[in-house]
Amino acid sequence: MPTLRAQFVLFDGFDLLDVIAPLEVLSAGSAALGGVLECVLVSESGRDSIPSGTAGLSLPVSAALEPEVPGYVIVPGASGPVDGDPDAGELTVPTLLGRLAGSPVMALVAGALAAPPVTVVAVCGGGLALAMAGLLEGRTATTHHLGIDRLGSTGVNAVRARVVDDGDLVTGGGVLSGVDVALYLLERDFGCAAARAVEDLFEFERRGTTWKSPAGRLFRTPVSGQRVRA
């Protein structure tokens, strides 16, 4: 049985690629490691299907978010127009992220941040939503470049990087950063061979800058000792 769970938190208007890209990477990494990681789609309520913000597509949810289960809690960003009039009913990305920030699921994500065996991961606008909810004050994080100034205004040390590792909080900037974030998690928590195996399988080369927490900061990683089988 898998020893860890990667819980992808879905909400109305989530970005499909923020979910699917890291889910495929972590699933492939788990296979290379002998099945140590279970990837599941969750929500606050555990309801059956959540609509994304892309082309009316939805994904099924299999369970409610359990914040203290060892592994990863992964929060995607939103998909939709960047500009528009919310008063006219336009579901812009800022509106969707604001709704996520004010939703009950953020209390569960806060519980995940407080749980030692959990790393909270945010992809693209997901990091901004966590900051808007007041969960990242004093932490170091990144988000999509269009939201980096807003991120800094919430009391976050906002870093313009592809991946930011702040111990039990890992964030990615930009939509496709979900691939880089997931590969980084495989490398950090399971070893270089696990990440390299998936890179070779996907024929993908990582890009951009990775910012790591200074030496001496408490790291709470969810696993040790797991390696790709020779």
Protein backbone atom coordinates (compact mmCIF):
# COMPACT_ATOMS: atom_id res chain seq x y z
CA MET A 1 0.00 0.00 0.00
CA PRO A 2 1.22 3.57 -0.69
CA THR A 3 2.83 5.21 2.34
CA LEU A 4 2.09 8.76 1.18
CA ARG A 5 -0.81 10.58 -0.44
CA ALA A 6 -0.71 13.50 -2.87
CA GLN A 7 -4.04 15.30 -2.45
CA PHE A 8 -4.93 17.68 -5.29
CA VAL A 9 -7.41 20.26 -4.03
CA LEU A 10 -10.06 21.10 -6.64
CA PHE A 11 -12.33 24.15 -6.55
CA ASP A 12 -14.72 25.79 -9.01
CA GLY A 13 -12.63 27.31 -11.82
CA PHE A 14 -9.37 25.50 -11.08
CA ASP A 15 -6.73 25.32 -13.81
CA LEU A 16 -6.65 21.85 -15.39
CA LEU A 17 -2.96 21.95 -16.25
CA ASP A 18 -2.02 22.96 -12.69
CA VAL A 19 -3.54 19.64 -11.61
CA ILE A 20 -2.94 17.21 -14.47
CA ALA A 21 0.73 18.08 -15.07
CA PRO A 22 2.03 17.45 -11.52
CA LEU A 23 -0.39 14.55 -11.07
CA GLU A 24 1.12 12.72 -14.06
CA VAL A 25 4.66 13.45 -12.87
CA LEU A 26 4.03 12.21 -9.33
CA SER A 27 2.12 9.17 -10.60
CA ALA A 28 5.00 8.23 -12.87
CA GLY A 29 7.46 8.80 -10.05
CA SER A 30 5.43 6.61 -7.73
CA ALA A 31 5.47 3.83 -10.32
CA ALA A 32 9.24 4.11 -10.59
CA LEU A 33 9.48 3.88 -6.80
CA GLY A 34 7.26 0.82 -6.53
CA GLY A 35 3.96 2.54 -5.73
CA VAL A 36 4.78 4.57 -2.62
CA LEU A 37 2.57 7.53 -3.50
CA GLU A 38 -1.20 7.66 -4.03
CA CYS A 39 -2.51 10.59 -6.09
CA VAL A 40 -6.13 11.60 -5.33
CA LEU A 41 -8.44 14.44 -6.34
CA VAL A 42 -10.11 16.03 -3.31
CA SER A 43 -12.22 18.99 -2.29
CA GLU A 44 -13.53 20.51 0.93
CA SER A 45 -16.85 18.71 0.62
CA GLY A 46 -15.76 15.62 -1.27
CA ARG A 47 -18.53 16.17 -3.85
CA ASP A 48 -18.47 14.12 -7.03
CA SER A 49 -17.36 16.54 -9.76
CA ILE A 50 -15.70 19.96 -9.84
CA PRO A 51 -15.80 22.21 -12.93
CA SER A 52 -12.50 23.66 -14.08
CA GLY A 53 -12.13 27.09 -15.65
CA THR A 54 -11.17 25.59 -19.00
CA ALA A 55 -13.65 24.68 -21.76
CA GLY A 56 -16.29 23.56 -19.28
CA LEU A 57 -14.31 20.45 -18.36
CA SER A 58 -14.75 18.86 -14.94
CA LEU A 59 -12.79 16.33 -12.93
CA PRO A 60 -14.23 13.78 -10.48
CA VAL A 61 -13.43 14.06 -6.79
CA SER A 62 -12.90 10.87 -4.84
CA ALA A 63 -12.72 12.18 -1.27
CA ALA A 64 -12.70 15.17 1.06
CA LEU A 65 -9.35 16.73 1.88
CA GLU A 66 -7.68 15.13 4.90
CA PRO A 67 -5.07 17.67 6.00
CA GLU A 68 -3.05 15.48 8.35
CA VAL A 69 -2.47 12.51 6.01
CA PRO A 70 1.30 12.24 5.35
CA GLY A 71 2.40 13.42 1.93
CA TYR A 72 1.45 16.47 -0.11
CA VAL A 73 -1.52 18.83 -0.28
CA ILE A 74 -1.41 20.47 -3.71
CA VAL A 75 -3.36 23.66 -4.44
CA PRO A 76 -3.68 24.72 -8.12
CA GLY A 77 -4.40 28.14 -9.51
CA ALA A 78 -7.45 29.26 -11.50
CA SER A 79 -8.19 29.42 -15.21
CA GLY A 80 -10.14 32.16 -16.95
CA PRO A 81 -9.83 35.72 -18.22
CA VAL A 82 -7.32 37.89 -16.39
CA ASP A 83 -9.34 41.08 -16.83
CA GLY A 84 -13.07 41.64 -16.63
CA ASP A 85 -15.92 43.02 -14.56
CA PRO A 86 -16.83 40.76 -11.62
CA ASP A 87 -19.97 42.85 -11.06
CA ALA A 88 -21.11 41.78 -14.53
CA GLY A 89 -20.68 38.14 -13.60
CA GLU A 90 -17.34 37.63 -15.31
CA LEU A 91 -15.36 34.92 -13.54
CA THR A 92 -11.86 36.34 -13.82
CA VAL A 93 -8.81 34.63 -12.37
CA PRO A 94 -8.55 37.19 -9.52
CA THR A 95 -12.21 36.59 -8.68
CA LEU A 96 -11.80 32.82 -8.63
CA LEU A 97 -8.66 33.03 -6.49
CA GLY A 98 -10.43 35.38 -4.11
CA ARG A 99 -13.30 32.93 -3.76
CA LEU A 100 -10.83 30.13 -3.06
CA ALA A 101 -9.03 32.25 -0.47
CA GLY A 102 -12.32 32.87 1.35
CA SER A 103 -13.61 29.31 1.13
CA PRO A 104 -13.81 26.74 3.94
CA VAL A 105 -11.12 24.61 2.32
CA MET A 106 -8.49 27.11 3.48
CA ALA A 107 -9.02 26.06 7.08
CA LEU A 108 -8.11 22.53 6.01
CA VAL A 109 -5.04 23.77 4.13
CA ALA A 110 -4.03 25.65 7.28
CA GLY A 111 -4.27 22.34 9.12
CA ALA A 112 -2.00 20.76 6.51
CA LEU A 113 0.58 23.52 7.04
CA ALA A 114 0.54 22.71 10.74
CA ALA A 115 0.92 18.96 10.22
CA PRO A 116 4.56 17.79 10.43
CA PRO A 117 4.28 14.95 7.88
CA VAL A 118 2.72 17.18 5.19
CA THR A 119 4.24 19.47 2.56
CA VAL A 120 1.82 22.02 1.15
CA VAL A 121 2.41 22.68 -2.54
CA ALA A 122 0.93 25.54 -4.56
CA VAL A 123 1.09 25.83 -8.34
CA CYS A 124 0.82 29.15 -10.18
CA GLY A 125 -2.04 31.21 -8.71
CA GLY A 126 -2.53 28.70 -5.93
CA GLY A 127 0.27 30.40 -4.01
CA LEU A 128 -1.48 33.75 -4.28
CA ALA A 129 -4.75 32.25 -3.03
CA LEU A 130 -2.98 30.86 0.05
CA ALA A 131 -1.42 34.26 0.70
CA MET A 132 -4.76 36.04 0.26
CA ALA A 133 -6.16 33.68 2.87
CA GLY A 134 -3.48 34.86 5.31
CA LEU A 135 -1.67 31.52 5.43
CA LEU A 136 1.75 32.58 4.11
CA GLU A 137 2.65 35.71 6.06
CA GLY A 138 6.39 35.71 6.74
CA ARG A 139 6.98 32.77 4.40
CA THR A 140 8.87 32.74 1.11
CA ALA A 141 6.86 31.80 -1.98
CA THR A 142 6.22 32.49 -5.65
CA THR A 143 3.24 32.62 -7.99
CA HIS A 144 2.42 33.56 -11.59
CA HIS A 145 4.36 36.66 -12.63
CA LEU A 146 1.13 38.63 -13.02
CA GLY A 147 0.42 38.14 -9.31
CA ILE A 148 3.91 38.48 -7.85
CA ASP A 149 3.40 42.08 -6.67
CA ARG A 150 0.08 41.17 -5.04
CA LEU A 151 1.81 38.24 -3.36
CA GLY A 152 4.43 40.55 -1.87
CA SER A 153 1.74 42.91 -0.57
CA THR A 154 0.32 40.16 1.67
CA GLY A 155 3.43 39.94 3.86
CA VAL A 156 5.07 37.16 1.86
CA ASN A 157 8.72 37.25 0.79
CA ALA A 158 7.82 37.01 -2.89
CA VAL A 159 10.56 35.49 -5.05
CA ARG A 160 10.47 35.44 -8.85
CA ALA A 161 11.56 31.83 -9.41
CA ARG A 162 10.31 28.69 -11.11
CA VAL A 163 10.25 26.72 -7.85
CA VAL A 164 10.52 28.00 -4.28
CA ASP A 165 11.27 25.55 -1.48
CA ASP A 166 10.46 26.95 1.96
CA GLY A 167 10.56 23.65 3.82
CA ASP A 168 7.02 22.41 4.34
CA LEU A 169 5.83 24.87 1.68
CA VAL A 170 6.80 24.49 -1.99
CA THR A 171 5.42 26.86 -4.62
CA GLY A 172 5.73 27.17 -8.39
CA GLY A 173 5.43 30.22 -10.64
CA GLY A 174 3.49 29.86 -13.88
CA VAL A 175 1.14 27.20 -15.21
CA LEU A 176 3.69 24.71 -16.52
CA SER A 177 5.74 25.07 -13.34
CA GLY A 178 3.59 22.22 -12.00
CA VAL A 179 5.84 19.82 -13.92
CA ASP A 180 8.99 21.38 -12.48
CA VAL A 181 7.55 21.46 -8.96
CA ALA A 182 6.59 17.79 -9.04
CA LEU A 183 9.99 16.77 -10.42
CA TYR A 184 11.64 18.82 -7.70
CA LEU A 185 9.58 17.05 -5.03
CA LEU A 186 10.62 13.67 -6.41
CA GLU A 187 14.25 14.72 -6.35
CA ARG A 188 14.10 16.30 -2.89
CA ASP A 189 12.14 13.60 -1.12
CA PHE A 190 13.00 10.42 -3.06
CA GLY A 191 16.34 11.06 -4.74
CA CYS A 192 17.73 12.26 -8.05
CA ALA A 193 17.16 8.92 -9.78
CA ALA A 194 13.40 9.14 -9.27
CA ALA A 195 13.21 12.56 -10.89
CA ARG A 196 15.57 11.56 -13.69
CA ALA A 197 13.48 8.47 -14.48
CA VAL A 198 10.40 10.64 -15.02
CA GLU A 199 12.31 13.27 -16.98
CA ASP A 200 13.52 10.54 -19.33
CA LEU A 201 10.03 9.04 -19.63
CA PHE A 202 8.43 12.41 -20.42
CA GLU A 203 11.40 13.66 -22.47
CA PHE A 204 11.27 16.84 -20.40
CA GLU A 205 14.06 19.18 -19.32
CA ARG A 206 13.52 21.32 -16.26
CA ARG A 207 14.01 25.06 -16.59
CA GLY A 208 14.20 28.21 -14.51
CA THR A 209 15.55 28.99 -11.07
CA THR A 210 14.92 27.01 -7.89
CA TRP A 211 15.08 28.98 -4.63
CA LYS A 212 15.78 26.95 -1.49
CA SER A 213 15.32 27.89 2.12
CA PRO A 214 18.61 28.93 3.78
CA ALA A 215 20.57 26.24 5.60
CA GLY A 216 19.40 25.71 9.13
CA ARG A 217 15.68 26.19 8.50
CA LEU A 218 13.53 23.36 9.76
CA PHE A 219 12.57 21.07 6.89
CA ARG A 220 9.61 18.76 7.33
CA THR A 221 9.85 16.31 4.48
CA PRO A 222 7.30 13.50 4.31
CA VAL A 223 9.56 10.58 3.43
CA SER A 224 13.08 9.25 3.60
CA GLY A 225 14.80 6.13 2.39
CA GLN A 226 12.68 5.51 -0.72
CA ARG A 227 14.69 5.16 -3.92
CA VAL A 228 14.14 4.01 -7.45
CA ARG A 229 14.69 0.32 -7.80
CA ALA A 230 17.77 -0.59 -9.79
